[in-house]
PDB file of N, CA and C in Angstrom:
ATOM      1  N   MET A   1     -23.324  -1.124  -4.585  1.00  0.00           N
ATOM      2  CA  MET A   1     -23.397   0.214  -5.097  1.00  0.00           C
ATOM      3  C   MET A   1     -22.568   1.132  -4.186  1.00  0.00           C
ATOM      4  N   HIS A   2     -21.744   1.973  -4.779  1.00  0.00           N
ATOM      5  CA  HIS A   2     -20.886   2.874  -4.017  1.00  0.00           C
ATOM      6  C   HIS A   2     -21.496   4.277  -3.970  1.00  0.00           C
ATOM      7  N   PRO A   3     -21.356   4.973  -2.851  1.00  0.00           N
ATOM      8  CA  PRO A   3     -21.929   6.317  -2.747  1.00  0.00           C
ATOM      9  C   PRO A   3     -21.161   7.354  -3.553  1.00  0.00           C
ATOM     10  N   PHE A   4     -19.926   7.044  -3.955  1.00  0.00           N
ATOM     11  CA  PHE A   4     -19.125   7.991  -4.729  1.00  0.00           C
ATOM     12  C   PHE A   4     -18.743   7.366  -6.057  1.00  0.00           C
ATOM     13  N   GLN A   5     -18.481   8.198  -7.037  1.00  0.00           N
ATOM     14  CA  GLN A   5     -18.137   7.733  -8.371  1.00  0.00           C
ATOM     15  C   GLN A   5     -16.881   6.860  -8.364  1.00  0.00           C
ATOM     16  N   ASP A   6     -15.889   7.193  -7.545  1.00  0.00           N
ATOM     17  CA  ASP A   6     -14.635   6.437  -7.547  1.00  0.00           C
ATOM     18  C   ASP A   6     -14.630   5.315  -6.513  1.00  0.00           C
ATOM     19  N   GLY A   7     -15.798   4.914  -6.033  1.00  0.00           N
ATOM     20  CA  GLY A   7     -15.894   3.758  -5.141  1.00  0.00           C
ATOM     21  C   GLY A   7     -15.114   3.936  -3.863  1.00  0.00           C
ATOM     22  N   ASN A   8     -14.263   2.995  -3.565  1.00  0.00           N
ATOM     23  CA  ASN A   8     -13.483   3.029  -2.337  1.00  0.00           C
ATOM     24  C   ASN A   8     -12.193   3.831  -2.476  1.00  0.00           C
ATOM     25  N   GLY A   9     -11.975   4.467  -3.603  1.00  0.00           N
ATOM     26  CA  GLY A   9     -10.749   5.221  -3.826  1.00  0.00           C
ATOM     27  C   GLY A   9     -10.505   6.309  -2.801  1.00  0.00           C
ATOM     28  N   ARG A  10     -11.557   7.015  -2.440  1.00  0.00           N
ATOM     29  CA  ARG A  10     -11.398   8.092  -1.459  1.00  0.00           C
ATOM     30  C   ARG A  10     -10.988   7.539  -0.112  1.00  0.00           C
ATOM     31  N   VAL A  11     -11.581   6.439   0.271  1.00  0.00           N
ATOM     32  CA  VAL A  11     -11.221   5.819   1.544  1.00  0.00           C
ATOM     33  C   VAL A  11      -9.772   5.340   1.493  1.00  0.00           C
ATOM     34  N   GLY A  12      -9.386   4.739   0.394  1.00  0.00           N
ATOM     35  CA  GLY A  12      -8.004   4.266   0.249  1.00  0.00           C
ATOM     36  C   GLY A  12      -7.001   5.399   0.321  1.00  0.00           C
ATOM     37  N   ARG A  13      -7.309   6.512  -0.342  1.00  0.00           N
ATOM     38  CA  ARG A  13      -6.398   7.658  -0.302  1.00  0.00           C
ATOM     39  C   ARG A  13      -6.355   8.275   1.094  1.00  0.00           C
ATOM     40  N   LEU A  14      -7.474   8.252   1.801  1.00  0.00           N
ATOM     41  CA  LEU A  14      -7.489   8.747   3.184  1.00  0.00           C
ATOM     42  C   LEU A  14      -6.623   7.866   4.083  1.00  0.00           C
ATOM     43  N   ILE A  15      -6.691   6.570   3.888  1.00  0.00           N
ATOM     44  CA  ILE A  15      -5.846   5.647   4.661  1.00  0.00           C
ATOM     45  C   ILE A  15      -4.375   5.878   4.335  1.00  0.00           C
ATOM     46  N   MET A  16      -4.047   6.088   3.038  1.00  0.00           N
ATOM     47  CA  MET A  16      -2.655   6.383   2.673  1.00  0.00           C
ATOM     48  C   MET A  16      -2.172   7.652   3.365  1.00  0.00           C
ATOM     49  N   PHE A  17      -3.012   8.679   3.402  1.00  0.00           N
ATOM     50  CA  PHE A  17      -2.664   9.935   4.052  1.00  0.00           C
ATOM     51  C   PHE A  17      -2.369   9.699   5.528  1.00  0.00           C
ATOM     52  N   LYS A  18      -3.254   8.964   6.200  1.00  0.00           N
ATOM     53  CA  LYS A  18      -3.083   8.663   7.616  1.00  0.00           C
ATOM     54  C   LYS A  18      -1.802   7.871   7.872  1.00  0.00           C
ATOM     55  N   GLU A  19      -1.520   6.896   7.035  1.00  0.00           N
ATOM     56  CA  GLU A  19      -0.324   6.074   7.208  1.00  0.00           C
ATOM     57  C   GLU A  19       0.946   6.882   6.970  1.00  0.00           C
ATOM     58  N   CYS A  20       0.901   7.813   6.039  1.00  0.00           N
ATOM     59  CA  CYS A  20       2.060   8.695   5.835  1.00  0.00           C
ATOM     60  C   CYS A  20       2.336   9.486   7.112  1.00  0.00           C
ATOM     61  N   LEU A  21       1.287  10.053   7.691  1.00  0.00           N
ATOM     62  CA  LEU A  21       1.456  10.820   8.927  1.00  0.00           C
ATOM     63  C   LEU A  21       1.968   9.939  10.057  1.00  0.00           C
ATOM     64  N   ALA A  22       1.438   8.726  10.166  1.00  0.00           N
ATOM     65  CA  ALA A  22       1.830   7.815  11.248  1.00  0.00           C
ATOM     66  C   ALA A  22       3.281   7.376  11.122  1.00  0.00           C
ATOM     67  N   ASN A  23       3.818   7.397   9.895  1.00  0.00           N
ATOM     68  CA  ASN A  23       5.182   6.936   9.662  1.00  0.00           C
ATOM     69  C   ASN A  23       6.149   8.063   9.330  1.00  0.00           C
ATOM     70  N   ASN A  24       5.775   9.301   9.696  1.00  0.00           N
ATOM     71  CA  ASN A  24       6.631  10.481   9.481  1.00  0.00           C
ATOM     72  C   ASN A  24       7.051  10.664   8.025  1.00  0.00           C
ATOM     73  N   ILE A  25       6.111  10.403   7.128  1.00  0.00           N
ATOM     74  CA  ILE A  25       6.318  10.625   5.691  1.00  0.00           C
ATOM     75  C   ILE A  25       5.428  11.797   5.300  1.00  0.00           C
ATOM     76  N   VAL A  26       5.969  12.732   4.527  1.00  0.00           N
ATOM     77  CA  VAL A  26       5.148  13.854   4.066  1.00  0.00           C
ATOM     78  C   VAL A  26       4.018  13.275   3.216  1.00  0.00           C
ATOM     79  N   PRO A  27       2.766  13.546   3.601  1.00  0.00           N
ATOM     80  CA  PRO A  27       1.642  12.976   2.850  1.00  0.00           C
ATOM     81  C   PRO A  27       1.462  13.660   1.510  1.00  0.00           C
ATOM     82  N   PHE A  28       0.508  13.179   0.757  1.00  0.00           N
ATOM     83  CA  PHE A  28       0.203  13.775  -0.533  1.00  0.00           C
ATOM     84  C   PHE A  28      -1.288  13.698  -0.782  1.00  0.00           C
ATOM     85  N   ILE A  29      -1.766  14.594  -1.613  1.00  0.00           N
ATOM     86  CA  ILE A  29      -3.176  14.642  -1.980  1.00  0.00           C
ATOM     87  C   ILE A  29      -3.266  14.551  -3.495  1.00  0.00           C
ATOM     88  N   ILE A  30      -4.063  13.625  -3.968  1.00  0.00           N
ATOM     89  CA  ILE A  30      -4.290  13.494  -5.408  1.00  0.00           C
ATOM     90  C   ILE A  30      -5.428  14.447  -5.759  1.00  0.00           C
ATOM     91  N   ASN A  31      -5.087  15.559  -6.396  1.00  0.00           N
ATOM     92  CA  ASN A  31      -6.121  16.536  -6.744  1.00  0.00           C
ATOM     93  C   ASN A  31      -6.557  16.344  -8.196  1.00  0.00           C
ATOM     94  N   GLU A  32      -7.491  17.156  -8.621  1.00  0.00           N
ATOM     95  CA  GLU A  32      -8.063  17.035  -9.968  1.00  0.00           C
ATOM     96  C   GLU A  32      -7.000  17.154 -11.068  1.00  0.00           C
ATOM     97  N   ASP A  33      -5.970  17.953 -10.835  1.00  0.00           N
ATOM     98  CA  ASP A  33      -4.945  18.173 -11.858  1.00  0.00           C
ATOM     99  C   ASP A  33      -4.185  16.902 -12.212  1.00  0.00           C
ATOM    100  N   ILE A  34      -4.015  16.004 -11.259  1.00  0.00           N
ATOM    101  CA  ILE A  34      -3.209  14.803 -11.514  1.00  0.00           C
ATOM    102  C   ILE A  34      -4.000  13.505 -11.343  1.00  0.00           C
ATOM    103  N   LYS A  35      -5.311  13.625 -11.169  1.00  0.00           N
ATOM    104  CA  LYS A  35      -6.139  12.444 -10.931  1.00  0.00           C
ATOM    105  C   LYS A  35      -6.048  11.437 -12.075  1.00  0.00           C
ATOM    106  N   LEU A  36      -6.071  11.897 -13.306  1.00  0.00           N
ATOM    107  CA  LEU A  36      -5.998  10.966 -14.440  1.00  0.00           C
ATOM    108  C   LEU A  36      -4.649  10.265 -14.499  1.00  0.00           C
ATOM    109  N   PHE A  37      -3.577  10.948 -14.117  1.00  0.00           N
ATOM    110  CA  PHE A  37      -2.270  10.303 -14.046  1.00  0.00           C
ATOM    111  C   PHE A  37      -2.251   9.237 -12.955  1.00  0.00           C
ATOM    112  N   TYR A  38      -2.914   9.534 -11.844  1.00  0.00           N
ATOM    113  CA  TYR A  38      -3.024   8.577 -10.741  1.00  0.00           C
ATOM    114  C   TYR A  38      -3.770   7.324 -11.187  1.00  0.00           C
ATOM    115  N   TYR A  39      -4.888   7.514 -11.866  1.00  0.00           N
ATOM    116  CA  TYR A  39      -5.652   6.364 -12.368  1.00  0.00           C
ATOM    117  C   TYR A  39      -4.839   5.553 -13.374  1.00  0.00           C
ATOM    118  N   ARG A  40      -4.112   6.247 -14.246  1.00  0.00           N
ATOM    119  CA  ARG A  40      -3.250   5.542 -15.203  1.00  0.00           C
ATOM    120  C   ARG A  40      -2.183   4.753 -14.462  1.00  0.00           C
ATOM    121  N   GLY A  41      -1.602   5.341 -13.432  1.00  0.00           N
ATOM    122  CA  GLY A  41      -0.591   4.639 -12.649  1.00  0.00           C
ATOM    123  C   GLY A  41      -1.131   3.387 -11.994  1.00  0.00           C
ATOM    124  N   LEU A  42      -2.350   3.465 -11.470  1.00  0.00           N
ATOM    125  CA  LEU A  42      -2.971   2.279 -10.883  1.00  0.00           C
ATOM    126  C   LEU A  42      -3.219   1.205 -11.936  1.00  0.00           C
ATOM    127  N   GLN A  43      -3.699   1.637 -13.090  1.00  0.00           N
ATOM    128  CA  GLN A  43      -4.018   0.688 -14.162  1.00  0.00           C
ATOM    129  C   GLN A  43      -2.766   0.017 -14.721  1.00  0.00           C
ATOM    130  N   GLU A  44      -1.679   0.733 -14.801  1.00  0.00           N
ATOM    131  CA  GLU A  44      -0.445   0.223 -15.422  1.00  0.00           C
ATOM    132  C   GLU A  44       0.566  -0.308 -14.410  1.00  0.00           C
ATOM    133  N   TRP A  45       0.200  -0.394 -13.124  1.00  0.00           N
ATOM    134  CA  TRP A  45       1.139  -0.745 -12.066  1.00  0.00           C
ATOM    135  C   TRP A  45       1.936  -2.010 -12.375  1.00  0.00           C
ATOM    136  N   THR A  46       1.320  -3.031 -12.903  1.00  0.00           N
ATOM    137  CA  THR A  46       2.032  -4.295 -13.142  1.00  0.00           C
ATOM    138  C   THR A  46       3.045  -4.173 -14.264  1.00  0.00           C
ATOM    139  N   HIS A  47       2.881  -3.193 -15.139  1.00  0.00           N
ATOM    140  CA  HIS A  47       3.794  -3.036 -16.284  1.00  0.00           C
ATOM    141  C   HIS A  47       4.804  -1.909 -16.091  1.00  0.00           C
ATOM    142  N   ILE A  48       4.322  -0.762 -15.620  1.00  0.00           N
ATOM    143  CA  ILE A  48       5.180   0.421 -15.495  1.00  0.00           C
ATOM    144  C   ILE A  48       4.911   1.070 -14.139  1.00  0.00           C
ATOM    145  N   LYS A  49       5.675   0.694 -13.142  1.00  0.00           N
ATOM    146  CA  LYS A  49       5.474   1.190 -11.786  1.00  0.00           C
ATOM    147  C   LYS A  49       5.779   2.683 -11.649  1.00  0.00           C
ATOM    148  N   GLU A  50       6.628   3.190 -12.513  1.00  0.00           N
ATOM    149  CA  GLU A  50       7.039   4.597 -12.411  1.00  0.00           C
ATOM    150  C   GLU A  50       5.884   5.563 -12.618  1.00  0.00           C
ATOM    151  N   TYR A  51       4.853   5.181 -13.376  1.00  0.00           N
ATOM    152  CA  TYR A  51       3.711   6.089 -13.573  1.00  0.00           C
ATOM    153  C   TYR A  51       3.107   6.470 -12.225  1.00  0.00           C
ATOM    154  N   LEU A  52       2.793   5.491 -11.416  1.00  0.00           N
ATOM    155  CA  LEU A  52       2.172   5.759 -10.119  1.00  0.00           C
ATOM    156  C   LEU A  52       3.159   6.394  -9.147  1.00  0.00           C
ATOM    157  N   LEU A  53       4.384   5.900  -9.139  1.00  0.00           N
ATOM    158  CA  LEU A  53       5.390   6.454  -8.234  1.00  0.00           C
ATOM    159  C   LEU A  53       5.644   7.924  -8.531  1.00  0.00           C
ATOM    160  N   ASP A  54       5.812   8.265  -9.795  1.00  0.00           N
ATOM    161  CA  ASP A  54       6.068   9.658 -10.176  1.00  0.00           C
ATOM    162  C   ASP A  54       4.878  10.555  -9.843  1.00  0.00           C
ATOM    163  N   THR A  55       3.677  10.039 -10.046  1.00  0.00           N
ATOM    164  CA  THR A  55       2.481  10.826  -9.737  1.00  0.00           C
ATOM    165  C   THR A  55       2.391  11.107  -8.240  1.00  0.00           C
ATOM    166  N   CYS A  56       2.642  10.100  -7.433  1.00  0.00           N
ATOM    167  CA  CYS A  56       2.589  10.285  -5.979  1.00  0.00           C
ATOM    168  C   CYS A  56       3.692  11.213  -5.497  1.00  0.00           C
ATOM    169  N   LEU A  57       4.870  11.104  -6.077  1.00  0.00           N
ATOM    170  CA  LEU A  57       5.965  12.002  -5.694  1.00  0.00           C
ATOM    171  C   LEU A  57       5.674  13.441  -6.105  1.00  0.00           C
ATOM    172  N   THR A  58       5.040  13.630  -7.261  1.00  0.00           N
ATOM    173  CA  THR A  58       4.639  14.968  -7.687  1.00  0.00           C
ATOM    174  C   THR A  58       3.615  15.543  -6.716  1.00  0.00           C
ATOM    175  N   ALA A  59       2.639  14.719  -6.317  1.00  0.00           N
ATOM    176  CA  ALA A  59       1.638  15.166  -5.349  1.00  0.00           C
ATOM    177  C   ALA A  59       2.287  15.505  -4.011  1.00  0.00           C
ATOM    178  N   GLN A  60       3.294  14.737  -3.642  1.00  0.00           N
ATOM    179  CA  GLN A  60       4.008  14.999  -2.393  1.00  0.00           C
ATOM    180  C   GLN A  60       4.766  16.325  -2.488  1.00  0.00           C
ATOM    181  N   ASP A  61       5.387  16.598  -3.630  1.00  0.00           N
ATOM    182  CA  ASP A  61       6.066  17.884  -3.820  1.00  0.00           C
ATOM    183  C   ASP A  61       5.075  19.044  -3.715  1.00  0.00           C
ATOM    184  N   ASN A  62       3.878  18.865  -4.261  1.00  0.00           N
ATOM    185  CA  ASN A  62       2.849  19.902  -4.164  1.00  0.00           C
ATOM    186  C   ASN A  62       2.456  20.141  -2.709  1.00  0.00           C
ATOM    187  N   TYR A  63       2.353  19.078  -1.940  1.00  0.00           N
ATOM    188  CA  TYR A  63       2.004  19.201  -0.515  1.00  0.00           C
ATOM    189  C   TYR A  63       3.142  19.876   0.257  1.00  0.00           C
ATOM    190  N   LYS A  64       4.380  19.552  -0.091  1.00  0.00           N
ATOM    191  CA  LYS A  64       5.527  20.197   0.551  1.00  0.00           C
ATOM    192  C   LYS A  64       5.520  21.700   0.282  1.00  0.00           C
ATOM    193  N   ALA A  65       5.116  22.090  -0.921  1.00  0.00           N
ATOM    194  CA  ALA A  65       5.041  23.517  -1.251  1.00  0.00           C
ATOM    195  C   ALA A  65       4.016  24.220  -0.363  1.00  0.00           C
ATOM    196  N   ILE A  66       2.898  23.552  -0.084  1.00  0.00           N
ATOM    197  CA  ILE A  66       1.890  24.125   0.808  1.00  0.00           C
ATOM    198  C   ILE A  66       2.455  24.257   2.225  1.00  0.00           C
ATOM    199  N   LEU A  67       3.138  23.222   2.691  1.00  0.00           N
ATOM    200  CA  LEU A  67       3.745  23.281   4.021  1.00  0.00           C
ATOM    201  C   LEU A  67       4.764  24.409   4.104  1.00  0.00           C
ATOM    202  N   HIS A  68       5.566  24.551   3.055  1.00  0.00           N
ATOM    203  CA  HIS A  68       6.563  25.613   3.022  1.00  0.00           C
ATOM    204  C   HIS A  68       5.880  26.989   3.056  1.00  0.00           C
ATOM    205  N   TYR A  69       4.814  27.136   2.294  1.00  0.00           N
ATOM    206  CA  TYR A  69       4.088  28.407   2.256  1.00  0.00           C
ATOM    207  C   TYR A  69       3.603  28.801   3.652  1.00  0.00           C
ATOM    208  N   PHE A  70       3.109  27.833   4.402  1.00  0.00           N
ATOM    209  CA  PHE A  70       2.606  28.114   5.743  1.00  0.00           C
ATOM    210  C   PHE A  70       3.687  27.968   6.818  1.00  0.00           C
ATOM    211  N   GLU A  71       4.917  27.847   6.369  1.00  0.00           N
ATOM    212  CA  GLU A  71       6.081  27.758   7.250  1.00  0.00           C
ATOM    213  C   GLU A  71       5.953  26.633   8.276  1.00  0.00           C
ATOM    214  N   ILE A  72       5.514  25.476   7.791  1.00  0.00           N
ATOM    215  CA  ILE A  72       5.392  24.281   8.615  1.00  0.00           C
ATOM    216  C   ILE A  72       6.580  23.384   8.324  1.00  0.00           C
ATOM    217  N   ASP A  73       7.356  23.077   9.351  1.00  0.00           N
ATOM    218  CA  ASP A  73       8.542  22.237   9.177  1.00  0.00           C
ATOM    219  C   ASP A  73       8.143  20.799   8.908  1.00  0.00           C
ATOM    220  N   PHE A  74       8.731  20.209   7.868  1.00  0.00           N
ATOM    221  CA  PHE A  74       8.398  18.818   7.521  1.00  0.00           C
ATOM    222  C   PHE A  74       9.614  17.926   7.423  1.00  0.00           C
ATOM    223  N   ASP A  75      10.749  18.409   7.780  1.00  0.00           N
ATOM    224  CA  ASP A  75      11.966  17.574   7.686  1.00  0.00           C
ATOM    225  C   ASP A  75      12.168  16.729   8.912  1.00  0.00           C
TER     226      ASP A  75
END
């Protein structure tokens, strides 16, 4: 039994965030607006990889906008 509805998904996304930071990659956050696209990307990964890739890149662009707003250099 998992304590959260999405099981280990939150832990996995937290690990992805940490690994992005450790490897000098701008991280991304999957928020409610794109969560269903993220789930679709995971489900369709073996057939259409672009669904997940595009969703993660969109989330990364959203995070870059936040960094830009707070004048945090990410290049």
